[in-house]
């Protein structure tokens, strides 16, 4: 079963707040923060450990999501990179030349 777009957006907002709080409390670029998987699987709230730099890379392009390995891609996303801890997927534009935020 797929997670709806509202829920995926909510998890993304929660992760952005986690990153802001981590920065506020002095987490440096090489240290890891823990975010929530942004996959399309209903009920998934698995944690992902990534560095501040890795998180910045994910958020540098609108429509990028961080998911646990082998989880469903949100919004029909395509894999961009993979490692043992997480995969980065990119959601396709919903309309020609449109970027998904």
N, C-alpha and C. Protein backbone atom coordinates (compact mmCIF):
# COMPACT_ATOMS: atom_id res chain seq x y z
N UNK A 1 0.84 -1.17 0.00
CA UNK A 1 0.00 0.00 0.00
C UNK A 1 0.89 1.24 0.00
N UNK A 2 0.50 2.28 -0.71
CA UNK A 2 1.32 3.48 -0.84
C UNK A 2 0.91 4.56 0.15
N UNK A 3 1.89 5.30 0.56
CA UNK A 3 1.68 6.45 1.42
C UNK A 3 1.18 7.59 0.53
N UNK A 4 0.22 8.37 1.00
CA UNK A 4 -0.27 9.46 0.16
C UNK A 4 0.70 10.63 0.18
N UNK A 5 0.52 11.55 -0.79
CA UNK A 5 1.44 12.67 -0.94
C UNK A 5 1.47 13.56 0.29
N UNK A 6 0.33 13.74 0.98
CA UNK A 6 0.30 14.56 2.17
C UNK A 6 1.21 13.99 3.25
N UNK A 7 1.17 12.67 3.43
CA UNK A 7 1.99 12.03 4.45
C UNK A 7 3.46 12.11 4.08
N UNK A 8 3.80 11.88 2.81
CA UNK A 8 5.19 11.99 2.37
C UNK A 8 5.71 13.40 2.60
N UNK A 9 4.87 14.38 2.31
CA UNK A 9 5.25 15.78 2.53
C UNK A 9 5.44 16.08 4.00
N UNK A 10 4.59 15.50 4.84
CA UNK A 10 4.72 15.69 6.28
C UNK A 10 6.04 15.11 6.79
N UNK A 11 6.39 13.90 6.37
CA UNK A 11 7.65 13.29 6.79
C UNK A 11 8.83 14.14 6.33
N UNK A 12 8.74 14.69 5.15
CA UNK A 12 9.81 15.56 4.63
C UNK A 12 9.94 16.80 5.53
N UNK A 13 8.81 17.40 5.93
CA UNK A 13 8.84 18.57 6.81
C UNK A 13 9.43 18.21 8.18
N UNK A 14 9.05 17.05 8.70
CA UNK A 14 9.61 16.60 9.98
C UNK A 14 11.12 16.46 9.87
N UNK A 15 11.59 15.87 8.79
CA UNK A 15 13.04 15.70 8.60
C UNK A 15 13.75 17.05 8.49
N UNK A 16 13.13 18.02 7.85
CA UNK A 16 13.73 19.35 7.75
C UNK A 16 13.84 19.99 9.13
N UNK A 17 12.85 19.77 10.00
CA UNK A 17 12.91 20.28 11.37
C UNK A 17 13.99 19.56 12.17
N UNK A 18 14.14 18.25 11.96
CA UNK A 18 15.20 17.50 12.63
C UNK A 18 16.55 18.08 12.26
N UNK A 19 16.75 18.37 10.98
CA UNK A 19 18.02 18.94 10.51
C UNK A 19 18.25 20.31 11.14
N UNK A 20 17.24 21.16 11.18
CA UNK A 20 17.39 22.50 11.76
C UNK A 20 17.75 22.41 13.24
N UNK A 21 17.07 21.54 13.97
CA UNK A 21 17.38 21.37 15.39
C UNK A 21 18.78 20.81 15.60
N UNK A 22 19.18 19.89 14.75
CA UNK A 22 20.53 19.32 14.85
C UNK A 22 21.58 20.40 14.65
N UNK A 23 21.34 21.30 13.70
CA UNK A 23 22.27 22.40 13.46
C UNK A 23 22.28 23.35 14.65
N UNK A 24 21.10 23.66 15.17
CA UNK A 24 20.99 24.56 16.32
C UNK A 24 21.76 24.02 17.52
N UNK A 25 21.74 22.71 17.72
CA UNK A 25 22.40 22.12 18.86
C UNK A 25 23.84 21.69 18.57
N UNK A 26 24.39 22.15 17.44
CA UNK A 26 25.81 22.00 17.18
C UNK A 26 26.28 20.78 16.45
N UNK A 27 25.39 20.05 15.78
CA UNK A 27 25.83 18.91 14.99
C UNK A 27 26.64 19.44 13.81
N UNK A 28 27.81 18.87 13.59
CA UNK A 28 28.67 19.35 12.50
C UNK A 28 28.48 18.49 11.26
N UNK A 29 29.04 18.96 10.14
CA UNK A 29 28.83 18.32 8.85
C UNK A 29 29.22 16.84 8.80
N UNK A 30 30.25 16.44 9.53
CA UNK A 30 30.68 15.05 9.50
C UNK A 30 29.89 14.13 10.43
N UNK A 31 29.11 14.71 11.33
CA UNK A 31 28.34 13.91 12.27
C UNK A 31 27.01 13.49 11.64
N UNK A 32 26.45 12.41 12.16
CA UNK A 32 25.20 11.87 11.61
C UNK A 32 23.98 12.35 12.38
N UNK A 33 22.91 12.58 11.62
CA UNK A 33 21.62 12.82 12.22
C UNK A 33 20.70 11.69 11.81
N UNK A 34 19.60 11.56 12.50
CA UNK A 34 18.66 10.48 12.20
C UNK A 34 17.36 11.10 11.70
N UNK A 35 16.99 10.73 10.47
CA UNK A 35 15.74 11.21 9.88
C UNK A 35 14.79 10.03 9.71
N UNK A 36 13.59 10.32 9.24
CA UNK A 36 12.58 9.29 8.99
C UNK A 36 12.57 8.94 7.50
N UNK A 37 12.50 7.65 7.20
CA UNK A 37 12.43 7.19 5.81
C UNK A 37 11.31 7.91 5.08
N UNK A 38 11.59 8.36 3.86
CA UNK A 38 10.62 9.09 3.04
C UNK A 38 10.06 8.23 1.90
N UNK A 39 10.01 6.92 2.13
CA UNK A 39 9.53 6.00 1.11
C UNK A 39 8.02 6.09 0.93
N UNK A 40 7.50 5.32 -0.02
CA UNK A 40 6.07 5.33 -0.33
C UNK A 40 5.30 4.26 0.43
N UNK A 41 5.96 3.53 1.31
CA UNK A 41 5.33 2.42 2.03
C UNK A 41 4.50 2.95 3.21
N UNK A 42 3.21 2.66 3.21
CA UNK A 42 2.33 3.08 4.30
C UNK A 42 2.81 2.50 5.62
N UNK A 43 2.85 3.32 6.65
CA UNK A 43 3.24 2.88 7.96
C UNK A 43 4.74 2.86 8.22
N UNK A 44 5.54 3.15 7.23
CA UNK A 44 6.99 3.15 7.43
C UNK A 44 7.40 4.41 8.19
N UNK A 45 8.15 4.22 9.25
CA UNK A 45 8.74 5.33 10.00
C UNK A 45 10.14 4.91 10.45
N UNK A 46 10.81 4.12 9.61
CA UNK A 46 12.13 3.62 9.96
C UNK A 46 13.15 4.76 9.94
N UNK A 47 14.07 4.74 10.88
CA UNK A 47 15.09 5.78 10.92
C UNK A 47 16.19 5.54 9.89
N UNK A 48 16.76 6.64 9.42
CA UNK A 48 17.91 6.60 8.51
C UNK A 48 18.98 7.49 9.13
N UNK A 49 20.20 6.97 9.26
CA UNK A 49 21.33 7.76 9.73
C UNK A 49 22.09 8.29 8.53
N UNK A 50 22.26 9.62 8.46
CA UNK A 50 23.07 10.21 7.42
C UNK A 50 23.75 11.45 7.97
N UNK A 51 24.88 11.80 7.35
CA UNK A 51 25.61 12.98 7.81
C UNK A 51 24.88 14.24 7.37
N UNK A 52 25.24 15.34 7.99
CA UNK A 52 24.66 16.62 7.59
C UNK A 52 24.96 16.90 6.11
N UNK A 53 26.17 16.56 5.67
CA UNK A 53 26.52 16.75 4.26
C UNK A 53 25.64 15.90 3.35
N UNK A 54 25.42 14.64 3.73
CA UNK A 54 24.55 13.77 2.93
C UNK A 54 23.14 14.31 2.89
N UNK A 55 22.65 14.78 4.03
CA UNK A 55 21.30 15.35 4.07
C UNK A 55 21.22 16.58 3.16
N UNK A 56 22.26 17.42 3.22
CA UNK A 56 22.31 18.60 2.36
C UNK A 56 22.27 18.23 0.88
N UNK A 57 22.96 17.14 0.53
CA UNK A 57 22.94 16.67 -0.86
C UNK A 57 21.54 16.25 -1.28
N UNK A 58 20.84 15.52 -0.40
CA UNK A 58 19.47 15.08 -0.71
C UNK A 58 18.58 16.29 -0.94
N UNK A 59 18.68 17.29 -0.07
CA UNK A 59 17.78 18.45 -0.15
C UNK A 59 18.22 19.51 -1.17
N UNK A 60 19.41 19.37 -1.74
CA UNK A 60 19.91 20.37 -2.69
C UNK A 60 19.06 20.46 -3.96
N UNK A 61 18.38 19.38 -4.28
CA UNK A 61 17.54 19.34 -5.48
C UNK A 61 16.11 19.03 -5.06
N UNK A 62 15.16 19.91 -5.40
CA UNK A 62 13.77 19.61 -5.07
C UNK A 62 13.35 18.26 -5.68
N UNK A 63 12.58 17.52 -4.93
CA UNK A 63 12.11 16.23 -5.44
C UNK A 63 12.99 15.06 -5.11
N UNK A 64 14.11 15.28 -4.40
CA UNK A 64 14.94 14.17 -3.94
C UNK A 64 14.40 13.67 -2.61
N UNK A 65 14.45 12.36 -2.42
CA UNK A 65 14.00 11.73 -1.19
C UNK A 65 15.06 10.76 -0.69
N UNK A 66 15.17 10.62 0.62
CA UNK A 66 16.05 9.61 1.23
C UNK A 66 15.16 8.48 1.73
N UNK A 67 15.49 7.26 1.29
CA UNK A 67 14.71 6.09 1.70
C UNK A 67 15.65 4.98 2.14
N UNK A 68 15.11 4.05 2.94
CA UNK A 68 15.87 2.87 3.34
C UNK A 68 16.08 1.99 2.10
N UNK A 69 17.19 1.26 2.03
CA UNK A 69 17.40 0.35 0.91
C UNK A 69 16.22 -0.62 0.73
N UNK A 70 15.86 -0.83 -0.52
CA UNK A 70 14.79 -1.74 -0.93
C UNK A 70 13.38 -1.29 -0.56
N UNK A 71 13.21 -0.06 -0.12
CA UNK A 71 11.86 0.47 0.13
C UNK A 71 11.30 1.04 -1.17
N UNK A 72 10.00 1.24 -1.20
CA UNK A 72 9.32 1.75 -2.39
C UNK A 72 9.72 3.19 -2.67
N UNK A 73 9.85 3.51 -3.95
CA UNK A 73 10.19 4.87 -4.33
C UNK A 73 8.96 5.75 -4.24
N UNK A 74 9.06 6.94 -3.60
CA UNK A 74 7.90 7.83 -3.53
C UNK A 74 7.60 8.45 -4.89
N UNK A 75 6.33 8.63 -5.17
CA UNK A 75 5.85 9.34 -6.35
C UNK A 75 6.47 8.81 -7.65
N UNK A 76 6.72 7.51 -7.73
CA UNK A 76 7.30 6.94 -8.94
C UNK A 76 8.74 7.36 -9.17
N UNK A 77 9.44 7.68 -8.09
CA UNK A 77 10.81 8.18 -8.19
C UNK A 77 11.78 7.19 -8.81
N UNK A 78 12.88 7.72 -9.29
CA UNK A 78 13.93 6.93 -9.91
C UNK A 78 15.18 6.98 -9.04
N UNK A 79 15.90 5.87 -8.90
CA UNK A 79 17.10 5.86 -8.06
C UNK A 79 18.18 6.78 -8.62
N UNK A 80 18.80 7.54 -7.74
CA UNK A 80 19.91 8.41 -8.13
C UNK A 80 21.23 7.86 -7.60
N UNK A 81 21.20 7.41 -6.34
CA UNK A 81 22.40 6.80 -5.74
C UNK A 81 21.96 5.84 -4.63
N UNK A 82 22.85 4.92 -4.31
CA UNK A 82 22.56 3.91 -3.29
C UNK A 82 23.80 3.67 -2.45
N UNK A 83 23.59 3.43 -1.16
CA UNK A 83 24.65 2.93 -0.30
C UNK A 83 24.01 2.00 0.72
N UNK A 84 24.77 1.45 1.62
CA UNK A 84 24.25 0.46 2.55
C UNK A 84 23.24 1.05 3.53
N UNK A 85 23.31 2.36 3.81
CA UNK A 85 22.43 2.98 4.80
C UNK A 85 21.16 3.57 4.21
N UNK A 86 21.24 4.13 3.02
CA UNK A 86 20.08 4.76 2.41
C UNK A 86 20.25 4.91 0.90
N UNK A 87 19.14 5.08 0.23
CA UNK A 87 19.13 5.38 -1.20
C UNK A 87 18.58 6.78 -1.39
N UNK A 88 19.06 7.44 -2.45
CA UNK A 88 18.50 8.73 -2.85
C UNK A 88 17.70 8.49 -4.12
N UNK A 89 16.42 8.90 -4.10
CA UNK A 89 15.57 8.77 -5.27
C UNK A 89 15.06 10.15 -5.65
N UNK A 90 14.78 10.31 -6.93
CA UNK A 90 14.28 11.58 -7.44
C UNK A 90 12.89 11.36 -8.01
N UNK A 91 11.94 12.14 -7.52
CA UNK A 91 10.57 12.06 -8.04
C UNK A 91 10.54 12.72 -9.42
N UNK A 92 9.85 12.09 -10.37
CA UNK A 92 9.76 12.71 -11.69
C UNK A 92 8.86 13.94 -11.64
N UNK A 93 9.09 14.91 -12.52
CA UNK A 93 8.20 16.08 -12.57
C UNK A 93 6.77 15.63 -12.86
N UNK A 94 5.81 16.32 -12.26
CA UNK A 94 4.41 15.97 -12.49
C UNK A 94 3.90 16.53 -13.82
N UNK A 95 4.54 17.56 -14.31
CA UNK A 95 4.20 18.15 -15.60
C UNK A 95 5.52 18.44 -16.31
N UNK A 96 5.53 18.55 -17.63
CA UNK A 96 6.77 18.88 -18.32
C UNK A 96 7.41 20.13 -17.74
N UNK A 97 8.72 20.06 -17.48
CA UNK A 97 9.52 21.16 -16.96
C UNK A 97 9.13 21.60 -15.55
N UNK A 98 8.35 20.82 -14.84
CA UNK A 98 7.98 21.15 -13.46
C UNK A 98 8.85 20.34 -12.51
N UNK A 99 9.29 20.96 -11.43
CA UNK A 99 10.08 20.26 -10.44
C UNK A 99 9.21 20.00 -9.23
N UNK A 100 9.29 18.78 -8.71
CA UNK A 100 8.50 18.39 -7.54
C UNK A 100 9.24 18.86 -6.30
N UNK A 101 8.55 19.56 -5.40
CA UNK A 101 9.18 20.06 -4.17
C UNK A 101 8.91 19.13 -3.00
